[in-house]
Amino acid sequence: MKDFFKDQFFKALEKNTIFSRADVQGNLIFVSDKLCQISGYSKKELIGKKHSIFKHPDVEECYIEELLKKLSYKKPYQVIFKILIN
């Protein structure tokens, strides 16, 4: 029963929240349904692409480099920044 609720929670989160996961090289390994809906890209188009596909011109490159550095620590990391949409 616990797994059922966990699965339902994740499905609701994926459907209603804009989020993604990337590997330490910055390649997208997961994108939520909501991110696809907002961006105009399909999951197939995004998986394997660099996370920088969403980089807005106002976001400095050093900020992205810091994000990738934190990802290399292999610990959860949350970031909120401006992105481009299709």
C-alpha atoms as a PDB file:
ATOM      1  CA  MET A   1       0.000   0.000   0.000  1.00  0.00           C
ATOM      2  CA  LYS A   2       2.878   2.354   0.821  1.00  0.00           C
ATOM      3  CA  ASP A   3       4.336   1.894  -2.688  1.00  0.00           C
ATOM      4  CA  PHE A   4       0.930   2.633  -4.228  1.00  0.00           C
ATOM      5  CA  PHE A   5       0.733   6.015  -2.493  1.00  0.00           C
ATOM      6  CA  LYS A   6       4.359   6.748  -3.337  1.00  0.00           C
ATOM      7  CA  ASP A   7       3.676   5.997  -7.014  1.00  0.00           C
ATOM      8  CA  GLN A   8       0.515   8.119  -7.008  1.00  0.00           C
ATOM      9  CA  PHE A   9       2.387  11.003  -5.386  1.00  0.00           C
ATOM     10  CA  PHE A  10       5.155  10.833  -7.988  1.00  0.00           C
ATOM     11  CA  LYS A  11       2.655  10.682 -10.867  1.00  0.00           C
ATOM     12  CA  ALA A  12       0.855  13.766  -9.529  1.00  0.00           C
ATOM     13  CA  LEU A  13       4.178  15.560  -9.046  1.00  0.00           C
ATOM     14  CA  GLU A  14       5.344  14.705 -12.569  1.00  0.00           C
ATOM     15  CA  LYS A  15       2.068  15.833 -14.111  1.00  0.00           C
ATOM     16  CA  ASN A  16       1.798  19.143 -12.242  1.00  0.00           C
ATOM     17  CA  THR A  17       5.350  20.294 -11.487  1.00  0.00           C
ATOM     18  CA  ILE A  18       8.061  21.576 -13.801  1.00  0.00           C
ATOM     19  CA  PHE A  19      11.219  19.622 -12.994  1.00  0.00           C
ATOM     20  CA  SER A  20      14.011  17.645 -14.559  1.00  0.00           C
ATOM     21  CA  ARG A  21      16.987  15.515 -13.616  1.00  0.00           C
ATOM     22  CA  ALA A  22      20.382  15.691 -15.257  1.00  0.00           C
ATOM     23  CA  ASP A  23      23.534  13.618 -14.961  1.00  0.00           C
ATOM     24  CA  VAL A  24      26.862  15.138 -13.911  1.00  0.00           C
ATOM     25  CA  GLN A  25      27.632  16.071 -17.523  1.00  0.00           C
ATOM     26  CA  GLY A  26      24.428  18.125 -17.699  1.00  0.00           C
ATOM     27  CA  ASN A  27      22.530  15.665 -19.903  1.00  0.00           C
ATOM     28  CA  LEU A  28      18.820  15.394 -19.180  1.00  0.00           C
ATOM     29  CA  ILE A  29      17.890  11.957 -17.849  1.00  0.00           C
ATOM     30  CA  PHE A  30      14.328  12.795 -16.765  1.00  0.00           C
ATOM     31  CA  VAL A  31      11.820  15.528 -17.569  1.00  0.00           C
ATOM     32  CA  SER A  32       8.366  15.935 -16.088  1.00  0.00           C
ATOM     33  CA  ASP A  33       5.204  15.946 -18.172  1.00  0.00           C
ATOM     34  CA  LYS A  34       4.555  19.529 -17.085  1.00  0.00           C
ATOM     35  CA  LEU A  35       8.019  20.620 -18.288  1.00  0.00           C
ATOM     36  CA  CYS A  36       7.260  19.090 -21.685  1.00  0.00           C
ATOM     37  CA  GLN A  37       3.883  20.798 -21.798  1.00  0.00           C
ATOM     38  CA  ILE A  38       5.329  24.210 -20.905  1.00  0.00           C
ATOM     39  CA  SER A  39       8.431  23.940 -23.115  1.00  0.00           C
ATOM     40  CA  GLY A  40       6.736  22.487 -26.187  1.00  0.00           C
ATOM     41  CA  TYR A  41       9.290  19.659 -26.383  1.00  0.00           C
ATOM     42  CA  SER A  42       8.498  15.956 -26.063  1.00  0.00           C
ATOM     43  CA  LYS A  43      10.338  13.720 -23.594  1.00  0.00           C
ATOM     44  CA  LYS A  44      11.965  11.992 -26.560  1.00  0.00           C
ATOM     45  CA  GLU A  45      13.300  15.340 -27.819  1.00  0.00           C
ATOM     46  CA  LEU A  46      14.721  16.292 -24.408  1.00  0.00           C
ATOM     47  CA  ILE A  47      16.204  13.107 -22.912  1.00  0.00           C
ATOM     48  CA  GLY A  48      19.935  13.058 -23.634  1.00  0.00           C
ATOM     49  CA  LYS A  49      20.088  16.750 -24.523  1.00  0.00           C
ATOM     50  CA  LYS A  50      22.135  19.191 -22.477  1.00  0.00           C
ATOM     51  CA  HIS A  51      20.205  20.913 -19.718  1.00  0.00           C
ATOM     52  CA  SER A  52      21.478  24.169 -21.206  1.00  0.00           C
ATOM     53  CA  ILE A  53      18.827  23.813 -23.929  1.00  0.00           C
ATOM     54  CA  PHE A  54      16.671  25.833 -21.518  1.00  0.00           C
ATOM     55  CA  LYS A  55      19.323  28.435 -20.647  1.00  0.00           C
ATOM     56  CA  HIS A  56      17.933  31.943 -20.843  1.00  0.00           C
ATOM     57  CA  PRO A  57      20.327  34.662 -22.120  1.00  0.00           C
ATOM     58  CA  ASP A  58      19.965  36.497 -18.787  1.00  0.00           C
ATOM     59  CA  VAL A  59      21.455  33.534 -16.882  1.00  0.00           C
ATOM     60  CA  GLU A  60      25.230  33.844 -16.663  1.00  0.00           C
ATOM     61  CA  GLU A  61      27.354  30.876 -17.725  1.00  0.00           C
ATOM     62  CA  CYS A  62      29.151  30.833 -14.357  1.00  0.00           C
ATOM     63  CA  TYR A  63      25.798  30.066 -12.713  1.00  0.00           C
ATOM     64  CA  ILE A  64      25.413  26.984 -14.933  1.00  0.00           C
ATOM     65  CA  GLU A  65      28.998  25.944 -14.158  1.00  0.00           C
ATOM     66  CA  GLU A  66      28.255  26.218 -10.418  1.00  0.00           C
ATOM     67  CA  LEU A  67      25.166  24.056 -10.879  1.00  0.00           C
ATOM     68  CA  LEU A  68      27.183  21.372 -12.682  1.00  0.00           C
ATOM     69  CA  LYS A  69      29.841  21.514  -9.949  1.00  0.00           C
ATOM     70  CA  LYS A  70      27.189  20.916  -7.288  1.00  0.00           C
ATOM     71  CA  LEU A  71      25.769  18.027  -9.316  1.00  0.00           C
ATOM     72  CA  SER A  72      29.192  16.371  -9.266  1.00  0.00           C
ATOM     73  CA  TYR A  73      28.881  16.027  -5.472  1.00  0.00           C
ATOM     74  CA  LYS A  74      26.148  13.430  -6.159  1.00  0.00           C
ATOM     75  CA  LYS A  75      23.825  14.953  -3.593  1.00  0.00           C
ATOM     76  CA  PRO A  76      20.353  16.364  -4.212  1.00  0.00           C
ATOM     77  CA  TYR A  77      20.403  19.945  -5.373  1.00  0.00           C
ATOM     78  CA  GLN A  78      17.560  22.283  -6.155  1.00  0.00           C
ATOM     79  CA  VAL A  79      17.810  25.364  -8.292  1.00  0.00           C
ATOM     80  CA  ILE A  80      15.323  27.871  -9.595  1.00  0.00           C
ATOM     81  CA  PHE A  81      16.228  30.077 -12.538  1.00  0.00           C
ATOM     82  CA  LYS A  82      14.795  31.637 -15.669  1.00  0.00           C
ATOM     83  CA  ILE A  83      14.471  29.303 -18.671  1.00  0.00           C
ATOM     84  CA  LEU A  84      13.604  29.592 -22.341  1.00  0.00           C
ATOM     85  CA  ILE A  85      10.510  27.893 -23.669  1.00  0.00           C
ATOM     86  CA  ASN A  86       9.910  26.786 -27.222  1.00  0.00           C
END
